Amino acid sequence: MTFRQLPEWHGWHAAQRGLGSNLYRLGVPDKVIQAILRHSNVNITLGYYVKSTSSDVMAAMEKFEEKLTAESLQDSQRTVKPDSDAMSGFVN
């Protein structure tokens, strides 16, 4: 059996950053992560202890694209009618 080598932590900051980032990826609310890490301000938690990875960015953009596509397929009744005076090049 082969074990995958885990990253080596270098100090408490790295351990807290790893914990904060992993909790964030699991969907734990920002204020809960702040409380777990015992920070006085949620901006400190998000600014220094939650790090995104390129896979996080890709997953977020895919989720956004799915949501956008689903909403654009629904009839929003905000489309420009062909016989209206609205310019076809502009969408609000």
PDB file of N, CA and C in Angstrom:
ATOM      1  N   MET A   1       0.842  -1.166   0.000  1.00  0.00           N
ATOM      2  CA  MET A   1       0.000   0.000   0.000  1.00  0.00           C
ATOM      3  C   MET A   1       0.896   1.240   0.000  1.00  0.00           C
ATOM      4  N   THR A   2       0.607   2.182  -0.890  1.00  0.00           N
ATOM      5  CA  THR A   2       1.391   3.402  -1.000  1.00  0.00           C
ATOM      6  C   THR A   2       0.615   4.554  -0.384  1.00  0.00           C
ATOM      7  N   PHE A   3       1.290   5.330   0.472  1.00  0.00           N
ATOM      8  CA  PHE A   3       0.655   6.475   1.094  1.00  0.00           C
ATOM      9  C   PHE A   3       1.105   7.741   0.390  1.00  0.00           C
ATOM     10  N   ARG A   4       0.149   8.625   0.180  1.00  0.00           N
ATOM     11  CA  ARG A   4       0.460   9.913  -0.424  1.00  0.00           C
ATOM     12  C   ARG A   4       1.096  10.799   0.637  1.00  0.00           C
ATOM     13  N   GLN A   5       2.200  11.437   0.288  1.00  0.00           N
ATOM     14  CA  GLN A   5       2.892  12.294   1.245  1.00  0.00           C
ATOM     15  C   GLN A   5       2.130  13.610   1.393  1.00  0.00           C
ATOM     16  N   LEU A   6       1.833  13.967   2.623  1.00  0.00           N
ATOM     17  CA  LEU A   6       1.136  15.215   2.912  1.00  0.00           C
ATOM     18  C   LEU A   6       2.132  16.361   2.957  1.00  0.00           C
ATOM     19  N   PRO A   7       1.660  17.590   2.658  1.00  0.00           N
ATOM     20  CA  PRO A   7       2.582  18.729   2.741  1.00  0.00           C
ATOM     21  C   PRO A   7       3.048  18.936   4.171  1.00  0.00           C
ATOM     22  N   GLU A   8       4.253  19.413   4.317  1.00  0.00           N
ATOM     23  CA  GLU A   8       4.816  19.666   5.637  1.00  0.00           C
ATOM     24  C   GLU A   8       4.471  21.095   6.058  1.00  0.00           C
ATOM     25  N   TRP A   9       3.891  21.230   7.251  1.00  0.00           N
ATOM     26  CA  TRP A   9       3.535  22.542   7.763  1.00  0.00           C
ATOM     27  C   TRP A   9       4.772  23.199   8.370  1.00  0.00           C
ATOM     28  N   HIS A  10       4.890  24.499   8.148  1.00  0.00           N
ATOM     29  CA  HIS A  10       6.003  25.269   8.705  1.00  0.00           C
ATOM     30  C   HIS A  10       5.432  26.365   9.596  1.00  0.00           C
ATOM     31  N   GLY A  11       5.047  26.028  10.807  1.00  0.00           N
ATOM     32  CA  GLY A  11       4.548  27.016  11.757  1.00  0.00           C
ATOM     33  C   GLY A  11       3.040  27.065  11.833  1.00  0.00           C
ATOM     34  N   TRP A  12       2.563  27.809  12.835  1.00  0.00           N
ATOM     35  CA  TRP A  12       1.132  27.905  13.087  1.00  0.00           C
ATOM     36  C   TRP A  12       0.402  28.678  12.000  1.00  0.00           C
ATOM     37  N   HIS A  13       1.010  29.696  11.436  1.00  0.00           N
ATOM     38  CA  HIS A  13       0.338  30.469  10.386  1.00  0.00           C
ATOM     39  C   HIS A  13      -0.015  29.569   9.209  1.00  0.00           C
ATOM     40  N   ALA A  14       0.916  28.736   8.811  1.00  0.00           N
ATOM     41  CA  ALA A  14       0.656  27.830   7.681  1.00  0.00           C
ATOM     42  C   ALA A  14      -0.456  26.846   8.027  1.00  0.00           C
ATOM     43  N   ALA A  15      -0.471  26.366   9.263  1.00  0.00           N
ATOM     44  CA  ALA A  15      -1.526  25.434   9.673  1.00  0.00           C
ATOM     45  C   ALA A  15      -2.881  26.125   9.678  1.00  0.00           C
ATOM     46  N   GLN A  16      -2.936  27.354  10.198  1.00  0.00           N
ATOM     47  CA  GLN A  16      -4.197  28.098  10.199  1.00  0.00           C
ATOM     48  C   GLN A  16      -4.654  28.430   8.786  1.00  0.00           C
ATOM     49  N   ARG A  17      -3.719  28.784   7.927  1.00  0.00           N
ATOM     50  CA  ARG A  17      -4.063  29.097   6.537  1.00  0.00           C
ATOM     51  C   ARG A  17      -4.601  27.865   5.835  1.00  0.00           C
ATOM     52  N   GLY A  18      -3.990  26.714   6.079  1.00  0.00           N
ATOM     53  CA  GLY A  18      -4.489  25.478   5.489  1.00  0.00           C
ATOM     54  C   GLY A  18      -5.877  25.135   5.997  1.00  0.00           C
ATOM     55  N   LEU A  19      -6.090  25.291   7.291  1.00  0.00           N
ATOM     56  CA  LEU A  19      -7.399  25.024   7.870  1.00  0.00           C
ATOM     57  C   LEU A  19      -8.443  25.986   7.310  1.00  0.00           C
ATOM     58  N   GLY A  20      -8.129  27.273   7.295  1.00  0.00           N
ATOM     59  CA  GLY A  20      -9.065  28.276   6.775  1.00  0.00           C
ATOM     60  C   GLY A  20      -9.422  28.032   5.320  1.00  0.00           C
ATOM     61  N   SER A  21      -8.429  27.732   4.504  1.00  0.00           N
ATOM     62  CA  SER A  21      -8.666  27.493   3.081  1.00  0.00           C
ATOM     63  C   SER A  21      -9.511  26.247   2.859  1.00  0.00           C
ATOM     64  N   ASN A  22      -9.224  25.186   3.600  1.00  0.00           N
ATOM     65  CA  ASN A  22      -9.992  23.943   3.437  1.00  0.00           C
ATOM     66  C   ASN A  22     -11.423  24.088   3.938  1.00  0.00           C
ATOM     67  N   LEU A  23     -11.622  24.780   5.043  1.00  0.00           N
ATOM     68  CA  LEU A  23     -12.982  25.024   5.515  1.00  0.00           C
ATOM     69  C   LEU A  23     -13.776  25.839   4.498  1.00  0.00           C
ATOM     70  N   TYR A  24     -13.126  26.825   3.907  1.00  0.00           N
ATOM     71  CA  TYR A  24     -13.778  27.668   2.893  1.00  0.00           C
ATOM     72  C   TYR A  24     -14.199  26.831   1.685  1.00  0.00           C
ATOM     73  N   ARG A  25     -13.316  25.937   1.227  1.00  0.00           N
ATOM     74  CA  ARG A  25     -13.632  25.056   0.093  1.00  0.00           C
ATOM     75  C   ARG A  25     -14.787  24.111   0.410  1.00  0.00           C
ATOM     76  N   LEU A  26     -14.944  23.773   1.685  1.00  0.00           N
ATOM     77  CA  LEU A  26     -16.043  22.889   2.100  1.00  0.00           C
ATOM     78  C   LEU A  26     -17.369  23.644   2.235  1.00  0.00           C
ATOM     79  N   GLY A  27     -17.332  24.952   2.053  1.00  0.00           N
ATOM     80  CA  GLY A  27     -18.557  25.742   2.101  1.00  0.00           C
ATOM     81  C   GLY A  27     -18.908  26.288   3.475  1.00  0.00           C
ATOM     82  N   VAL A  28     -17.970  26.254   4.405  1.00  0.00           N
ATOM     83  CA  VAL A  28     -18.207  26.790   5.741  1.00  0.00           C
ATOM     84  C   VAL A  28     -18.310  28.312   5.631  1.00  0.00           C
ATOM     85  N   PRO A  29     -19.324  28.919   6.258  1.00  0.00           N
ATOM     86  CA  PRO A  29     -19.483  30.379   6.179  1.00  0.00           C
ATOM     87  C   PRO A  29     -18.265  31.134   6.720  1.00  0.00           C
ATOM     88  N   ASP A  30     -17.998  32.296   6.139  1.00  0.00           N
ATOM     89  CA  ASP A  30     -16.844  33.119   6.495  1.00  0.00           C
ATOM     90  C   ASP A  30     -16.785  33.421   7.989  1.00  0.00           C
ATOM     91  N   LYS A  31     -17.924  33.798   8.572  1.00  0.00           N
ATOM     92  CA  LYS A  31     -17.957  34.156   9.986  1.00  0.00           C
ATOM     93  C   LYS A  31     -17.651  32.957  10.882  1.00  0.00           C
ATOM     94  N   VAL A  32     -18.003  31.760  10.455  1.00  0.00           N
ATOM     95  CA  VAL A  32     -17.698  30.561  11.236  1.00  0.00           C
ATOM     96  C   VAL A  32     -16.196  30.286  11.192  1.00  0.00           C
ATOM     97  N   ILE A  33     -15.594  30.442  10.008  1.00  0.00           N
ATOM     98  CA  ILE A  33     -14.141  30.267   9.887  1.00  0.00           C
ATOM     99  C   ILE A  33     -13.432  31.288  10.766  1.00  0.00           C
ATOM    100  N   GLN A  34     -13.928  32.529  10.763  1.00  0.00           N
ATOM    101  CA  GLN A  34     -13.359  33.577  11.613  1.00  0.00           C
ATOM    102  C   GLN A  34     -13.393  33.144  13.078  1.00  0.00           C
ATOM    103  N   ALA A  35     -14.511  32.596  13.511  1.00  0.00           N
ATOM    104  CA  ALA A  35     -14.641  32.173  14.917  1.00  0.00           C
ATOM    105  C   ALA A  35     -13.711  31.008  15.234  1.00  0.00           C
ATOM    106  N   ILE A  36     -13.607  30.047  14.315  1.00  0.00           N
ATOM    107  CA  ILE A  36     -12.727  28.891  14.538  1.00  0.00           C
ATOM    108  C   ILE A  36     -11.274  29.338  14.672  1.00  0.00           C
ATOM    109  N   LEU A  37     -10.866  30.269  13.813  1.00  0.00           N
ATOM    110  CA  LEU A  37      -9.486  30.753  13.847  1.00  0.00           C
ATOM    111  C   LEU A  37      -9.277  31.843  14.901  1.00  0.00           C
ATOM    112  N   ARG A  38     -10.360  32.247  15.570  1.00  0.00           N
ATOM    113  CA  ARG A  38     -10.323  33.222  16.652  1.00  0.00           C
ATOM    114  C   ARG A  38      -9.783  34.586  16.209  1.00  0.00           C
ATOM    115  N   HIS A  39     -10.241  35.037  15.029  1.00  0.00           N
ATOM    116  CA  HIS A  39      -9.851  36.356  14.540  1.00  0.00           C
ATOM    117  C   HIS A  39     -10.885  37.386  14.978  1.00  0.00           C
ATOM    118  N   SER A  40     -10.445  38.613  15.212  1.00  0.00           N
ATOM    119  CA  SER A  40     -11.354  39.682  15.619  1.00  0.00           C
ATOM    120  C   SER A  40     -12.113  40.264  14.433  1.00  0.00           C
ATOM    121  N   ASN A  41     -11.610  40.047  13.216  1.00  0.00           N
ATOM    122  CA  ASN A  41     -12.190  40.661  12.033  1.00  0.00           C
ATOM    123  C   ASN A  41     -12.240  39.642  10.898  1.00  0.00           C
ATOM    124  N   VAL A  42     -13.393  39.509  10.245  1.00  0.00           N
ATOM    125  CA  VAL A  42     -13.533  38.543   9.165  1.00  0.00           C
ATOM    126  C   VAL A  42     -12.643  38.904   7.969  1.00  0.00           C
ATOM    127  N   ASN A  43     -12.322  40.183   7.814  1.00  0.00           N
ATOM    128  CA  ASN A  43     -11.445  40.597   6.703  1.00  0.00           C
ATOM    129  C   ASN A  43     -10.034  40.037   6.861  1.00  0.00           C
ATOM    130  N   ILE A  44      -9.570  39.897   8.090  1.00  0.00           N
ATOM    131  CA  ILE A  44      -8.262  39.278   8.331  1.00  0.00           C
ATOM    132  C   ILE A  44      -8.318  37.816   7.912  1.00  0.00           C
ATOM    133  N   THR A  45      -9.394  37.146   8.300  1.00  0.00           N
ATOM    134  CA  THR A  45      -9.557  35.734   7.953  1.00  0.00           C
ATOM    135  C   THR A  45      -9.529  35.543   6.444  1.00  0.00           C
ATOM    136  N   LEU A  46     -10.324  36.332   5.740  1.00  0.00           N
ATOM    137  CA  LEU A  46     -10.422  36.170   4.287  1.00  0.00           C
ATOM    138  C   LEU A  46      -9.173  36.673   3.566  1.00  0.00           C
ATOM    139  N   GLY A  47      -8.567  37.723   4.076  1.00  0.00           N
ATOM    140  CA  GLY A  47      -7.408  38.313   3.404  1.00  0.00           C
ATOM    141  C   GLY A  47      -6.117  37.540   3.561  1.00  0.00           C
ATOM    142  N   TYR A  48      -5.939  36.884   4.716  1.00  0.00           N
ATOM    143  CA  TYR A  48      -4.662  36.242   4.999  1.00  0.00           C
ATOM    144  C   TYR A  48      -4.731  34.735   5.206  1.00  0.00           C
ATOM    145  N   TYR A  49      -5.911  34.211   5.485  1.00  0.00           N
ATOM    146  CA  TYR A  49      -5.997  32.808   5.870  1.00  0.00           C
ATOM    147  C   TYR A  49      -6.838  31.954   4.936  1.00  0.00           C
ATOM    148  N   VAL A  50      -7.484  32.541   3.935  1.00  0.00           N
ATOM    149  CA  VAL A  50      -8.235  31.774   2.943  1.00  0.00           C
ATOM    150  C   VAL A  50      -7.586  32.027   1.591  1.00  0.00           C
ATOM    151  N   LYS A  51      -6.993  30.984   1.045  1.00  0.00           N
ATOM    152  CA  LYS A  51      -6.307  31.090  -0.243  1.00  0.00           C
ATOM    153  C   LYS A  51      -7.036  30.240  -1.270  1.00  0.00           C
ATOM    154  N   SER A  52      -7.281  30.811  -2.428  1.00  0.00           N
ATOM    155  CA  SER A  52      -7.921  30.046  -3.498  1.00  0.00           C
ATOM    156  C   SER A  52      -6.849  29.402  -4.368  1.00  0.00           C
ATOM    157  N   THR A  53      -7.233  28.345  -5.021  1.00  0.00           N
ATOM    158  CA  THR A  53      -6.338  27.680  -5.961  1.00  0.00           C
ATOM    159  C   THR A  53      -6.924  27.812  -7.359  1.00  0.00           C
ATOM    160  N   SER A  54      -6.144  27.520  -8.372  1.00  0.00           N
ATOM    161  CA  SER A  54      -6.653  27.637  -9.738  1.00  0.00           C
ATOM    162  C   SER A  54      -7.831  26.693  -9.966  1.00  0.00           C
ATOM    163  N   SER A  55      -7.862  25.548  -9.279  1.00  0.00           N
ATOM    164  CA  SER A  55      -9.012  24.646  -9.441  1.00  0.00           C
ATOM    165  C   SER A  55     -10.264  25.270  -8.824  1.00  0.00           C
ATOM    166  N   ASP A  56     -10.104  26.059  -7.742  1.00  0.00           N
ATOM    167  CA  ASP A  56     -11.240  26.773  -7.156  1.00  0.00           C
ATOM    168  C   ASP A  56     -11.792  27.782  -8.150  1.00  0.00           C
ATOM    169  N   VAL A  57     -10.910  28.509  -8.799  1.00  0.00           N
ATOM    170  CA  VAL A  57     -11.323  29.525  -9.763  1.00  0.00           C
ATOM    171  C   VAL A  57     -12.050  28.878 -10.935  1.00  0.00           C
ATOM    172  N   MET A  58     -11.512  27.790 -11.447  1.00  0.00           N
ATOM    173  CA  MET A  58     -12.147  27.092 -12.570  1.00  0.00           C
ATOM    174  C   MET A  58     -13.528  26.566 -12.177  1.00  0.00           C
ATOM    175  N   ALA A  59     -13.641  25.980 -11.002  1.00  0.00           N
ATOM    176  CA  ALA A  59     -14.928  25.448 -10.545  1.00  0.00           C
ATOM    177  C   ALA A  59     -15.950  26.571 -10.377  1.00  0.00           C
ATOM    178  N   ALA A  60     -15.519  27.703  -9.845  1.00  0.00           N
ATOM    179  CA  ALA A  60     -16.427  28.838  -9.660  1.00  0.00           C
ATOM    180  C   ALA A  60     -16.919  29.365 -11.001  1.00  0.00           C
ATOM    181  N   MET A  61     -16.028  29.471 -11.971  1.00  0.00           N
ATOM    182  CA  MET A  61     -16.432  29.970 -13.285  1.00  0.00           C
ATOM    183  C   MET A  61     -17.355  28.982 -13.999  1.00  0.00           C
ATOM    184  N   GLU A  62     -17.127  27.684 -13.829  1.00  0.00           N
ATOM    185  CA  GLU A  62     -18.024  26.687 -14.418  1.00  0.00           C
ATOM    186  C   GLU A  62     -19.412  26.779 -13.788  1.00  0.00           C
ATOM    187  N   LYS A  63     -19.464  26.954 -12.479  1.00  0.00           N
ATOM    188  CA  LYS A  63     -20.745  27.097 -11.776  1.00  0.00           C
ATOM    189  C   LYS A  63     -21.468  28.355 -12.254  1.00  0.00           C
ATOM    190  N   PHE A  64     -20.727  29.450 -12.403  1.00  0.00           N
ATOM    191  CA  PHE A  64     -21.296  30.700 -12.899  1.00  0.00           C
ATOM    192  C   PHE A  64     -21.850  30.522 -14.314  1.00  0.00           C
ATOM    193  N   GLU A  65     -21.089  29.845 -15.169  1.00  0.00           N
ATOM    194  CA  GLU A  65     -21.519  29.615 -16.544  1.00  0.00           C
ATOM    195  C   GLU A  65     -22.796  28.779 -16.588  1.00  0.00           C
ATOM    196  N   GLU A  66     -22.872  27.739 -15.757  1.00  0.00           N
ATOM    197  CA  GLU A  66     -24.076  26.907 -15.701  1.00  0.00           C
ATOM    198  C   GLU A  66     -25.283  27.735 -15.272  1.00  0.00           C
ATOM    199  N   LYS A  67     -25.102  28.570 -14.256  1.00  0.00           N
ATOM    200  CA  LYS A  67     -26.186  29.412 -13.752  1.00  0.00           C
ATOM    201  C   LYS A  67     -26.613  30.411 -14.814  1.00  0.00           C
ATOM    202  N   LEU A  68     -25.662  31.016 -15.477  1.00  0.00           N
ATOM    203  CA  LEU A  68     -25.954  31.989 -16.516  1.00  0.00           C
ATOM    204  C   LEU A  68     -26.698  31.346 -17.676  1.00  0.00           C
ATOM    205  N   THR A  69     -26.262  30.166 -18.090  1.00  0.00           N
ATOM    206  CA  THR A  69     -26.912  29.455 -19.187  1.00  0.00           C
ATOM    207  C   THR A  69     -28.335  29.071 -18.813  1.00  0.00           C
ATOM    208  N   ALA A  70     -28.523  28.583 -17.599  1.00  0.00           N
ATOM    209  CA  ALA A  70     -29.862  28.184 -17.147  1.00  0.00           C
ATOM    210  C   ALA A  70     -30.808  29.380 -17.122  1.00  0.00           C
ATOM    211  N   GLU A  71     -30.328  30.514 -16.662  1.00  0.00           N
ATOM    212  CA  GLU A  71     -31.173  31.709 -16.598  1.00  0.00           C
ATOM    213  C   GLU A  71     -31.448  32.287 -17.977  1.00  0.00           C
ATOM    214  N   SER A  72     -30.490  32.181 -18.882  1.00  0.00           N
ATOM    215  CA  SER A  72     -30.706  32.749 -20.212  1.00  0.00           C
ATOM    216  C   SER A  72     -31.699  31.925 -21.017  1.00  0.00           C
ATOM    217  N   LEU A  73     -31.881  30.654 -20.655  1.00  0.00           N
ATOM    218  CA  LEU A  73     -32.853  29.815 -21.348  1.00  0.00           C
ATOM    219  C   LEU A  73     -34.281  30.084 -20.879  1.00  0.00           C
ATOM    220  N   GLN A  74     -34.427  30.681 -19.696  1.00  0.00           N
ATOM    221  CA  GLN A  74     -35.751  31.011 -19.199  1.00  0.00           C
ATOM    222  C   GLN A  74     -36.237  32.282 -19.878  1.00  0.00           C
ATOM    223  N   ASP A  75     -37.551  32.386 -20.073  1.00  0.00           N
ATOM    224  CA  ASP A  75     -38.119  33.592 -20.671  1.00  0.00           C
ATOM    225  C   ASP A  75     -38.199  34.670 -19.605  1.00  0.00           C
ATOM    226  N   SER A  76     -37.375  35.672 -19.723  1.00  0.00           N
ATOM    227  CA  SER A  76     -37.336  36.738 -18.729  1.00  0.00           C
ATOM    228  C   SER A  76     -38.286  37.871 -19.071  1.00  0.00           C
ATOM    229  N   GLN A  77     -38.874  37.867 -20.242  1.00  0.00           N
ATOM    230  CA  GLN A  77     -39.754  38.932 -20.743  1.00  0.00           C
ATOM    231  C   GLN A  77     -39.047  40.284 -20.755  1.00  0.00           C
ATOM    232  N   ARG A  78     -37.716  40.239 -20.904  1.00  0.00           N
ATOM    233  CA  ARG A  78     -36.942  41.472 -20.995  1.00  0.00           C
ATOM    234  C   ARG A  78     -36.215  41.544 -22.335  1.00  0.00           C
ATOM    235  N   THR A  79     -36.636  40.719 -23.271  1.00  0.00           N
ATOM    236  CA  THR A  79     -35.969  40.713 -24.565  1.00  0.00           C
ATOM    237  C   THR A  79     -36.501  41.845 -25.429  1.00  0.00           C
ATOM    238  N   VAL A  80     -35.687  42.300 -26.337  1.00  0.00           N
ATOM    239  CA  VAL A  80     -36.072  43.374 -27.240  1.00  0.00           C
ATOM    240  C   VAL A  80     -36.917  42.775 -28.356  1.00  0.00           C
ATOM    241  N   LYS A  81     -38.076  43.345 -28.548  1.00  0.00           N
ATOM    242  CA  LYS A  81     -38.947  42.874 -29.627  1.00  0.00           C
ATOM    243  C   LYS A  81     -38.416  43.421 -30.944  1.00  0.00           C
ATOM    244  N   PRO A  82     -38.475  42.618 -32.002  1.00  0.00           N
ATOM    245  CA  PRO A  82     -37.918  43.055 -33.289  1.00  0.00           C
ATOM    246  C   PRO A  82     -38.551  44.341 -33.817  1.00  0.00           C
ATOM    247  N   ASP A  83     -39.819  44.610 -33.519  1.00  0.00           N
ATOM    248  CA  ASP A  83     -40.484  45.799 -34.058  1.00  0.00           C
ATOM    249  C   ASP A  83     -40.400  47.015 -33.130  1.00  0.00           C
ATOM    250  N   SER A  84     -39.601  46.907 -32.039  1.00  0.00           N
ATOM    251  CA  SER A  84     -39.473  48.049 -31.127  1.00  0.00           C
ATOM    252  C   SER A  84     -38.404  49.009 -31.639  1.00  0.00           C
ATOM    253  N   ASP A  85     -38.342  50.179 -31.016  1.00  0.00           N
ATOM    254  CA  ASP A  85     -37.348  51.192 -31.402  1.00  0.00           C
ATOM    255  C   ASP A  85     -36.005  50.983 -30.705  1.00  0.00           C
ATOM    256  N   ALA A  86     -35.881  49.957 -29.881  1.00  0.00           N
ATOM    257  CA  ALA A  86     -34.639  49.725 -29.148  1.00  0.00           C
ATOM    258  C   ALA A  86     -33.531  49.302 -30.105  1.00  0.00           C
ATOM    259  N   MET A  87     -32.321  49.748 -29.799  1.00  0.00           N
ATOM    260  CA  MET A  87     -31.177  49.385 -30.628  1.00  0.00           C
ATOM    261  C   MET A  87     -30.788  47.944 -30.309  1.00  0.00           C
ATOM    262  N   SER A  88     -30.594  47.129 -31.320  1.00  0.00           N
ATOM    263  CA  SER A  88     -30.298  45.720 -31.111  1.00  0.00           C
ATOM    264  C   SER A  88     -28.890  45.470 -30.581  1.00  0.00           C
ATOM    265  N   GLY A  89     -28.002  46.442 -30.680  1.00  0.00           N
ATOM    266  CA  GLY A  89     -26.637  46.261 -30.210  1.00  0.00           C
ATOM    267  C   GLY A  89     -26.455  46.480 -28.718  1.00  0.00           C
ATOM    268  N   PHE A  90     -27.478  46.972 -28.052  1.00  0.00           N
ATOM    269  CA  PHE A  90     -27.362  47.260 -26.621  1.00  0.00           C
ATOM    270  C   PHE A  90     -28.335  46.404 -25.824  1.00  0.00           C
ATOM    271  N   VAL A  91     -27.828  45.834 -24.743  1.00  0.00           N
ATOM    272  CA  VAL A  91     -28.653  45.037 -23.855  1.00  0.00           C
ATOM    273  C   VAL A  91     -28.465  45.560 -22.446  1.00  0.00           C
ATOM    274  N   ASN A  92     -29.566  45.796 -21.743  1.00  0.00           N
ATOM    275  CA  ASN A  92     -29.480  46.263 -20.355  1.00  0.00           C
ATOM    276  C   ASN A  92     -29.630  45.125 -19.410  1.00  0.00           C
TER     277      ASN A  92
END
